[in-house]
Amino acid sequence: MITADDVSRLLASETDTVMVLIEGRIDVVDSNELDTDAFRGALQVITRDELIAQAGGEQLSERELIEQAAALEMAVAELGG
């Protein structure tokens, strides 16, 4: 399940990071790590830059974090993740 904390972690991370779903858990990793054995096969949920564009900025209220998490969770569920 994607939480507001996951969204907050992605926003607080370095610029070239991505939220992924791997083995039933959400992680925030550098995009270069996607090619490593540890993250091979991970479902890319959203990049930091995509999230900022979608949310309209980096500074989100708690309510906005919750809303973004719910939207991302719904998108993953629709993909069967």
PDB file of N, CA and C in Angstrom:
ATOM      1  N   MET A   1       0.828  -1.178   0.000  1.00  0.00           N
ATOM      2  CA  MET A   1       0.000   0.000   0.000  1.00  0.00           C
ATOM      3  C   MET A   1       0.879   1.250   0.000  1.00  0.00           C
ATOM      4  N   ILE A   2       0.559   2.203  -0.839  1.00  0.00           N
ATOM      5  CA  ILE A   2       1.301   3.452  -0.912  1.00  0.00           C
ATOM      6  C   ILE A   2       0.726   4.407   0.123  1.00  0.00           C
ATOM      7  N   THR A   3       1.598   4.963   0.953  1.00  0.00           N
ATOM      8  CA  THR A   3       1.177   5.847   2.032  1.00  0.00           C
ATOM      9  C   THR A   3       1.653   7.282   1.780  1.00  0.00           C
ATOM     10  N   ALA A   4       1.127   8.193   2.575  1.00  0.00           N
ATOM     11  CA  ALA A   4       1.580   9.585   2.521  1.00  0.00           C
ATOM     12  C   ALA A   4       3.073   9.664   2.845  1.00  0.00           C
ATOM     13  N   ASP A   5       3.552   8.787   3.730  1.00  0.00           N
ATOM     14  CA  ASP A   5       4.982   8.759   4.055  1.00  0.00           C
ATOM     15  C   ASP A   5       5.819   8.377   2.844  1.00  0.00           C
ATOM     16  N   ASP A   6       5.324   7.447   2.020  1.00  0.00           N
ATOM     17  CA  ASP A   6       6.041   7.067   0.804  1.00  0.00           C
ATOM     18  C   ASP A   6       6.156   8.249  -0.151  1.00  0.00           C
ATOM     19  N   VAL A   7       5.054   8.984  -0.297  1.00  0.00           N
ATOM     20  CA  VAL A   7       5.047  10.166  -1.166  1.00  0.00           C
ATOM     21  C   VAL A   7       6.006  11.212  -0.618  1.00  0.00           C
ATOM     22  N   SER A   8       5.983  11.418   0.680  1.00  0.00           N
ATOM     23  CA  SER A   8       6.872  12.378   1.323  1.00  0.00           C
ATOM     24  C   SER A   8       8.339  11.988   1.139  1.00  0.00           C
ATOM     25  N   ARG A   9       8.636  10.693   1.277  1.00  0.00           N
ATOM     26  CA  ARG A   9      10.015  10.207   1.068  1.00  0.00           C
ATOM     27  C   ARG A   9      10.485  10.495  -0.343  1.00  0.00           C
ATOM     28  N   LEU A  10       9.613  10.288  -1.328  1.00  0.00           N
ATOM     29  CA  LEU A  10       9.992  10.546  -2.716  1.00  0.00           C
ATOM     30  C   LEU A  10      10.256  12.034  -2.925  1.00  0.00           C
ATOM     31  N   LEU A  11       9.404  12.886  -2.392  1.00  0.00           N
ATOM     32  CA  LEU A  11       9.604  14.326  -2.551  1.00  0.00           C
ATOM     33  C   LEU A  11      10.869  14.811  -1.853  1.00  0.00           C
ATOM     34  N   ALA A  12      11.225  14.184  -0.743  1.00  0.00           N
ATOM     35  CA  ALA A  12      12.408  14.588   0.023  1.00  0.00           C
ATOM     36  C   ALA A  12      13.698  13.999  -0.527  1.00  0.00           C
ATOM     37  N   SER A  13      13.590  13.126  -1.511  1.00  0.00           N
ATOM     38  CA  SER A  13      14.766  12.429  -2.036  1.00  0.00           C
ATOM     39  C   SER A  13      15.509  13.264  -3.078  1.00  0.00           C
ATOM     40  N   GLU A  14      16.592  12.698  -3.557  1.00  0.00           N
ATOM     41  CA  GLU A  14      17.384  13.339  -4.608  1.00  0.00           C
ATOM     42  C   GLU A  14      16.558  13.474  -5.872  1.00  0.00           C
ATOM     43  N   THR A  15      17.036  14.269  -6.810  1.00  0.00           N
ATOM     44  CA  THR A  15      16.244  14.591  -7.992  1.00  0.00           C
ATOM     45  C   THR A  15      15.986  13.420  -8.926  1.00  0.00           C
ATOM     46  N   ASP A  16      16.890  12.470  -9.038  1.00  0.00           N
ATOM     47  CA  ASP A  16      16.735  11.393 -10.022  1.00  0.00           C
ATOM     48  C   ASP A  16      16.274  10.099  -9.352  1.00  0.00           C
ATOM     49  N   THR A  17      15.154  10.187  -8.622  1.00  0.00           N
ATOM     50  CA  THR A  17      14.659   9.023  -7.893  1.00  0.00           C
ATOM     51  C   THR A  17      13.293   8.602  -8.406  1.00  0.00           C
ATOM     52  N   VAL A  18      12.944   7.379  -8.050  1.00  0.00           N
ATOM     53  CA  VAL A  18      11.691   6.797  -8.526  1.00  0.00           C
ATOM     54  C   VAL A  18      11.073   5.952  -7.411  1.00  0.00           C
ATOM     55  N   MET A  19       9.747   5.948  -7.352  1.00  0.00           N
ATOM     56  CA  MET A  19       9.017   5.081  -6.438  1.00  0.00           C
ATOM     57  C   MET A  19       8.731   3.792  -7.188  1.00  0.00           C
ATOM     58  N   VAL A  20       9.050   2.655  -6.558  1.00  0.00           N
ATOM     59  CA  VAL A  20       8.837   1.360  -7.196  1.00  0.00           C
ATOM     60  C   VAL A  20       8.068   0.425  -6.267  1.00  0.00           C
ATOM     61  N   LEU A  21       7.410  -0.535  -6.881  1.00  0.00           N
ATOM     62  CA  LEU A  21       6.766  -1.630  -6.161  1.00  0.00           C
ATOM     63  C   LEU A  21       7.572  -2.876  -6.472  1.00  0.00           C
ATOM     64  N   ILE A  22       8.113  -3.488  -5.438  1.00  0.00           N
ATOM     65  CA  ILE A  22       8.913  -4.701  -5.631  1.00  0.00           C
ATOM     66  C   ILE A  22       8.596  -5.688  -4.515  1.00  0.00           C
ATOM     67  N   GLU A  23       8.237  -6.886  -4.915  1.00  0.00           N
ATOM     68  CA  GLU A  23       7.937  -7.954  -3.967  1.00  0.00           C
ATOM     69  C   GLU A  23       6.916  -7.512  -2.920  1.00  0.00           C
ATOM     70  N   GLY A  24       5.908  -6.761  -3.342  1.00  0.00           N
ATOM     71  CA  GLY A  24       4.839  -6.356  -2.461  1.00  0.00           C
ATOM     72  C   GLY A  24       5.122  -5.169  -1.565  1.00  0.00           C
ATOM     73  N   ARG A  25       6.269  -4.535  -1.741  1.00  0.00           N
ATOM     74  CA  ARG A  25       6.586  -3.369  -0.905  1.00  0.00           C
ATOM     75  C   ARG A  25       6.936  -2.177  -1.785  1.00  0.00           C
ATOM     76  N   ILE A  26       6.759  -0.997  -1.236  1.00  0.00           N
ATOM     77  CA  ILE A  26       7.084   0.251  -1.918  1.00  0.00           C
ATOM     78  C   ILE A  26       8.468   0.692  -1.473  1.00  0.00           C
ATOM     79  N   ASP A  27       9.268   1.137  -2.440  1.00  0.00           N
ATOM     80  CA  ASP A  27      10.597   1.639  -2.126  1.00  0.00           C
ATOM     81  C   ASP A  27      10.852   2.875  -2.962  1.00  0.00           C
ATOM     82  N   VAL A  28      11.738   3.737  -2.498  1.00  0.00           N
ATOM     83  CA  VAL A  28      12.182   4.916  -3.238  1.00  0.00           C
ATOM     84  C   VAL A  28      13.662   4.721  -3.504  1.00  0.00           C
ATOM     85  N   VAL A  29      14.027   4.684  -4.799  1.00  0.00           N
ATOM     86  CA  VAL A  29      15.409   4.378  -5.169  1.00  0.00           C
ATOM     87  C   VAL A  29      15.900   5.337  -6.247  1.00  0.00           C
ATOM     88  N   ASP A  30      17.211   5.428  -6.357  1.00  0.00           N
ATOM     89  CA  ASP A  30      17.825   6.165  -7.458  1.00  0.00           C
ATOM     90  C   ASP A  30      17.508   5.423  -8.746  1.00  0.00           C
ATOM     91  N   SER A  31      17.206   6.142  -9.792  1.00  0.00           N
ATOM     92  CA  SER A  31      16.813   5.488 -11.045  1.00  0.00           C
ATOM     93  C   SER A  31      17.900   4.570 -11.586  1.00  0.00           C
ATOM     94  N   ASN A  32      19.157   4.824 -11.259  1.00  0.00           N
ATOM     95  CA  ASN A  32      20.254   3.948 -11.701  1.00  0.00           C
ATOM     96  C   ASN A  32      20.168   2.562 -11.076  1.00  0.00           C
ATOM     97  N   GLU A  33      19.507   2.454  -9.930  1.00  0.00           N
ATOM     98  CA  GLU A  33      19.395   1.165  -9.244  1.00  0.00           C
ATOM     99  C   GLU A  33      18.386   0.230  -9.910  1.00  0.00           C
ATOM    100  N   LEU A  34      17.564   0.755 -10.812  1.00  0.00           N
ATOM    101  CA  LEU A  34      16.552  -0.083 -11.456  1.00  0.00           C
ATOM    102  C   LEU A  34      17.161  -1.208 -12.283  1.00  0.00           C
ATOM    103  N   ASP A  35      18.399  -1.027 -12.717  1.00  0.00           N
ATOM    104  CA  ASP A  35      19.073  -2.052 -13.516  1.00  0.00           C
ATOM    105  C   ASP A  35      19.857  -3.051 -12.678  1.00  0.00           C
ATOM    106  N   THR A  36      19.817  -2.917 -11.362  1.00  0.00           N
ATOM    107  CA  THR A  36      20.540  -3.849 -10.503  1.00  0.00           C
ATOM    108  C   THR A  36      19.671  -5.067 -10.213  1.00  0.00           C
ATOM    109  N   ASP A  37      20.314  -6.148  -9.773  1.00  0.00           N
ATOM    110  CA  ASP A  37      19.582  -7.377  -9.448  1.00  0.00           C
ATOM    111  C   ASP A  37      18.526  -7.137  -8.364  1.00  0.00           C
ATOM    112  N   ALA A  38      18.829  -6.248  -7.421  1.00  0.00           N
ATOM    113  CA  ALA A  38      17.912  -6.007  -6.305  1.00  0.00           C
ATOM    114  C   ALA A  38      16.572  -5.434  -6.764  1.00  0.00           C
ATOM    115  N   PHE A  39      16.571  -4.703  -7.879  1.00  0.00           N
ATOM    116  CA  PHE A  39      15.335  -4.052  -8.322  1.00  0.00           C
ATOM    117  C   PHE A  39      14.886  -4.483  -9.713  1.00  0.00           C
ATOM    118  N   ARG A  40      15.529  -5.517 -10.254  1.00  0.00           N
ATOM    119  CA  ARG A  40      15.111  -6.031 -11.556  1.00  0.00           C
ATOM    120  C   ARG A  40      13.678  -6.565 -11.444  1.00  0.00           C
ATOM    121  N   GLY A  41      12.826  -6.149 -12.341  1.00  0.00           N
ATOM    122  CA  GLY A  41      11.435  -6.575 -12.313  1.00  0.00           C
ATOM    123  C   GLY A  41      10.518  -5.688 -11.487  1.00  0.00           C
ATOM    124  N   ALA A  42      11.078  -4.646 -10.888  1.00  0.00           N
ATOM    125  CA  ALA A  42      10.255  -3.734 -10.082  1.00  0.00           C
ATOM    126  C   ALA A  42       9.315  -2.949 -10.990  1.00  0.00           C
ATOM    127  N   LEU A  43       8.133  -2.668 -10.494  1.00  0.00           N
ATOM    128  CA  LEU A  43       7.165  -1.832 -11.199  1.00  0.00           C
ATOM    129  C   LEU A  43       7.444  -0.387 -10.830  1.00  0.00           C
ATOM    130  N   GLN A  44       7.770   0.416 -11.839  1.00  0.00           N
ATOM    131  CA  GLN A  44       8.000   1.842 -11.599  1.00  0.00           C
ATOM    132  C   GLN A  44       6.655   2.521 -11.426  1.00  0.00           C
ATOM    133  N   VAL A  45       6.438   3.108 -10.259  1.00  0.00           N
ATOM    134  CA  VAL A  45       5.166   3.762  -9.956  1.00  0.00           C
ATOM    135  C   VAL A  45       5.183   5.191 -10.484  1.00  0.00           C
ATOM    136  N   ILE A  46       6.184   5.989 -10.074  1.00  0.00           N
ATOM    137  CA  ILE A  46       6.280   7.388 -10.490  1.00  0.00           C
ATOM    138  C   ILE A  46       7.671   7.914 -10.149  1.00  0.00           C
ATOM    139  N   THR A  47       8.179   8.804 -10.986  1.00  0.00           N
ATOM    140  CA  THR A  47       9.443   9.455 -10.671  1.00  0.00           C
ATOM    141  C   THR A  47       9.173  10.678  -9.812  1.00  0.00           C
ATOM    142  N   ARG A  48      10.215  11.173  -9.190  1.00  0.00           N
ATOM    143  CA  ARG A  48      10.081  12.388  -8.374  1.00  0.00           C
ATOM    144  C   ARG A  48       9.594  13.546  -9.235  1.00  0.00           C
ATOM    145  N   ASP A  49      10.194  13.717 -10.411  1.00  0.00           N
ATOM    146  CA  ASP A  49       9.796  14.814 -11.297  1.00  0.00           C
ATOM    147  C   ASP A  49       8.343  14.688 -11.748  1.00  0.00           C
ATOM    148  N   GLU A  50       7.905  13.470 -12.056  1.00  0.00           N
ATOM    149  CA  GLU A  50       6.506  13.258 -12.447  1.00  0.00           C
ATOM    150  C   GLU A  50       5.562  13.599 -11.301  1.00  0.00           C
ATOM    151  N   LEU A  51       5.943  13.217 -10.086  1.00  0.00           N
ATOM    152  CA  LEU A  51       5.113  13.513  -8.918  1.00  0.00           C
ATOM    153  C   LEU A  51       4.990  15.012  -8.698  1.00  0.00           C
ATOM    154  N   ILE A  52       6.108  15.732  -8.812  1.00  0.00           N
ATOM    155  CA  ILE A  52       6.079  17.182  -8.633  1.00  0.00           C
ATOM    156  C   ILE A  52       5.172  17.825  -9.669  1.00  0.00           C
ATOM    157  N   ALA A  53       5.271  17.372 -10.922  1.00  0.00           N
ATOM    158  CA  ALA A  53       4.414  17.915 -11.981  1.00  0.00           C
ATOM    159  C   ALA A  53       2.944  17.589 -11.716  1.00  0.00           C
ATOM    160  N   GLN A  54       2.670  16.356 -11.294  1.00  0.00           N
ATOM    161  CA  GLN A  54       1.296  15.922 -11.026  1.00  0.00           C
ATOM    162  C   GLN A  54       0.691  16.673  -9.836  1.00  0.00           C
ATOM    163  N   ALA A  55       1.512  16.873  -8.793  1.00  0.00           N
ATOM    164  CA  ALA A  55       1.023  17.486  -7.560  1.00  0.00           C
ATOM    165  C   ALA A  55       1.049  19.015  -7.606  1.00  0.00           C
ATOM    166  N   GLY A  56       1.789  19.555  -8.544  1.00  0.00           N
ATOM    167  CA  GLY A  56       1.869  21.012  -8.647  1.00  0.00           C
ATOM    168  C   GLY A  56       2.915  21.636  -7.752  1.00  0.00           C
ATOM    169  N   GLY A  57       3.873  20.840  -7.268  1.00  0.00           N
ATOM    170  CA  GLY A  57       4.952  21.379  -6.445  1.00  0.00           C
ATOM    171  C   GLY A  57       5.521  20.348  -5.504  1.00  0.00           C
ATOM    172  N   GLU A  58       6.575  20.762  -4.789  1.00  0.00           N
ATOM    173  CA  GLU A  58       7.268  19.866  -3.859  1.00  0.00           C
ATOM    174  C   GLU A  58       6.726  19.958  -2.436  1.00  0.00           C
ATOM    175  N   GLN A  59       6.157  21.090  -2.071  1.00  0.00           N
ATOM    176  CA  GLN A  59       5.676  21.318  -0.715  1.00  0.00           C
ATOM    177  C   GLN A  59       4.186  20.991  -0.648  1.00  0.00           C
ATOM    178  N   LEU A  60       3.867  19.825  -0.109  1.00  0.00           N
ATOM    179  CA  LEU A  60       2.476  19.390  -0.038  1.00  0.00           C
ATOM    180  C   LEU A  60       2.004  19.330   1.409  1.00  0.00           C
ATOM    181  N   SER A  61       0.747  19.649   1.604  1.00  0.00           N
ATOM    182  CA  SER A  61       0.148  19.515   2.934  1.00  0.00           C
ATOM    183  C   SER A  61      -0.073  18.027   3.217  1.00  0.00           C
ATOM    184  N   GLU A  62      -0.375  17.717   4.452  1.00  0.00           N
ATOM    185  CA  GLU A  62      -0.646  16.322   4.814  1.00  0.00           C
ATOM    186  C   GLU A  62      -1.811  15.772   3.987  1.00  0.00           C
ATOM    187  N   ARG A  63      -2.842  16.585   3.797  1.00  0.00           N
ATOM    188  CA  ARG A  63      -3.997  16.175   2.986  1.00  0.00           C
ATOM    189  C   ARG A  63      -3.585  15.891   1.546  1.00  0.00           C
ATOM    190  N   GLU A  64      -2.735  16.751   0.986  1.00  0.00           N
ATOM    191  CA  GLU A  64      -2.270  16.549  -0.391  1.00  0.00           C
ATOM    192  C   GLU A  64      -1.405  15.292  -0.513  1.00  0.00           C
ATOM    193  N   LEU A  65      -0.591  15.031   0.503  1.00  0.00           N
ATOM    194  CA  LEU A  65       0.217  13.805   0.502  1.00  0.00           C
ATOM    195  C   LEU A  65      -0.691  12.574   0.494  1.00  0.00           C
ATOM    196  N   ILE A  66      -1.733  12.617   1.312  1.00  0.00           N
ATOM    197  CA  ILE A  66      -2.687  11.504   1.385  1.00  0.00           C
ATOM    198  C   ILE A  66      -3.407  11.333   0.052  1.00  0.00           C
ATOM    199  N   GLU A  67      -3.811  12.439  -0.560  1.00  0.00           N
ATOM    200  CA  GLU A  67      -4.495  12.373  -1.852  1.00  0.00           C
ATOM    201  C   GLU A  67      -3.590  11.807  -2.944  1.00  0.00           C
ATOM    202  N   GLN A  68      -2.335  12.237  -2.966  1.00  0.00           N
ATOM    203  CA  GLN A  68      -1.397  11.715  -3.962  1.00  0.00           C
ATOM    204  C   GLN A  68      -1.158  10.222  -3.743  1.00  0.00           C
ATOM    205  N   ALA A  69      -1.026   9.818  -2.488  1.00  0.00           N
ATOM    206  CA  ALA A  69      -0.828   8.401  -2.176  1.00  0.00           C
ATOM    207  C   ALA A  69      -2.016   7.573  -2.648  1.00  0.00           C
ATOM    208  N   ALA A  70      -3.221   8.075  -2.414  1.00  0.00           N
ATOM    209  CA  ALA A  70      -4.431   7.354  -2.833  1.00  0.00           C
ATOM    210  C   ALA A  70      -4.493   7.240  -4.353  1.00  0.00           C
ATOM    211  N   ALA A  71      -4.151   8.308  -5.056  1.00  0.00           N
ATOM    212  CA  ALA A  71      -4.167   8.279  -6.519  1.00  0.00           C
ATOM    213  C   ALA A  71      -3.142   7.288  -7.064  1.00  0.00           C
ATOM    214  N   LEU A  72      -1.960   7.265  -6.468  1.00  0.00           N
ATOM    215  CA  LEU A  72      -0.926   6.329  -6.906  1.00  0.00           C
ATOM    216  C   LEU A  72      -1.320   4.890  -6.588  1.00  0.00           C
ATOM    217  N   GLU A  73      -1.913   4.688  -5.422  1.00  0.00           N
ATOM    218  CA  GLU A  73      -2.369   3.342  -5.032  1.00  0.00           C
ATOM    219  C   GLU A  73      -3.417   2.840  -6.016  1.00  0.00           C
ATOM    220  N   MET A  74      -4.326   3.706  -6.419  1.00  0.00           N
ATOM    221  CA  MET A  74      -5.368   3.342  -7.378  1.00  0.00           C
ATOM    222  C   MET A  74      -4.749   2.990  -8.746  1.00  0.00           C
ATOM    223  N   ALA A  75      -3.761   3.779  -9.168  1.00  0.00           N
ATOM    224  CA  ALA A  75      -3.102   3.508 -10.451  1.00  0.00           C
ATOM    225  C   ALA A  75      -2.393   2.162 -10.416  1.00  0.00           C
ATOM    226  N   VAL A  76      -1.745   1.839  -9.323  1.00  0.00           N
ATOM    227  CA  VAL A  76      -1.064   0.539  -9.188  1.00  0.00           C
ATOM    228  C   VAL A  76      -2.081  -0.595  -9.177  1.00  0.00           C
ATOM    229  N   ALA A  77      -3.179  -0.414  -8.455  1.00  0.00           N
ATOM    230  CA  ALA A  77      -4.218  -1.438  -8.387  1.00  0.00           C
ATOM    231  C   ALA A  77      -4.811  -1.719  -9.766  1.00  0.00           C
ATOM    232  N   GLU A  78      -4.979  -0.673 -10.564  1.00  0.00           N
ATOM    233  CA  GLU A  78      -5.503  -0.841 -11.906  1.00  0.00           C
ATOM    234  C   GLU A  78      -4.553  -1.620 -12.813  1.00  0.00           C
ATOM    235  N   LEU A  79      -3.257  -1.526 -12.501  1.00  0.00           N
ATOM    236  CA  LEU A  79      -2.252  -2.279 -13.255  1.00  0.00           C
ATOM    237  C   LEU A  79      -2.121  -3.711 -12.754  1.00  0.00           C
ATOM    238  N   GLY A  80      -2.778  -3.997 -11.653  1.00  0.00           N
ATOM    239  CA  GLY A  80      -2.714  -5.335 -11.090  1.00  0.00           C
ATOM    240  C   GLY A  80      -1.534  -5.532 -10.153  1.00  0.00           C
ATOM    241  N   GLY A  81      -0.955  -4.420  -9.659  1.00  0.00           N
ATOM    242  CA  GLY A  81       0.215  -4.497  -8.780  1.00  0.00           C
ATOM    243  C   GLY A  81      -0.139  -4.725  -7.356  1.00  0.00           C
TER     244      GLY A  81
END
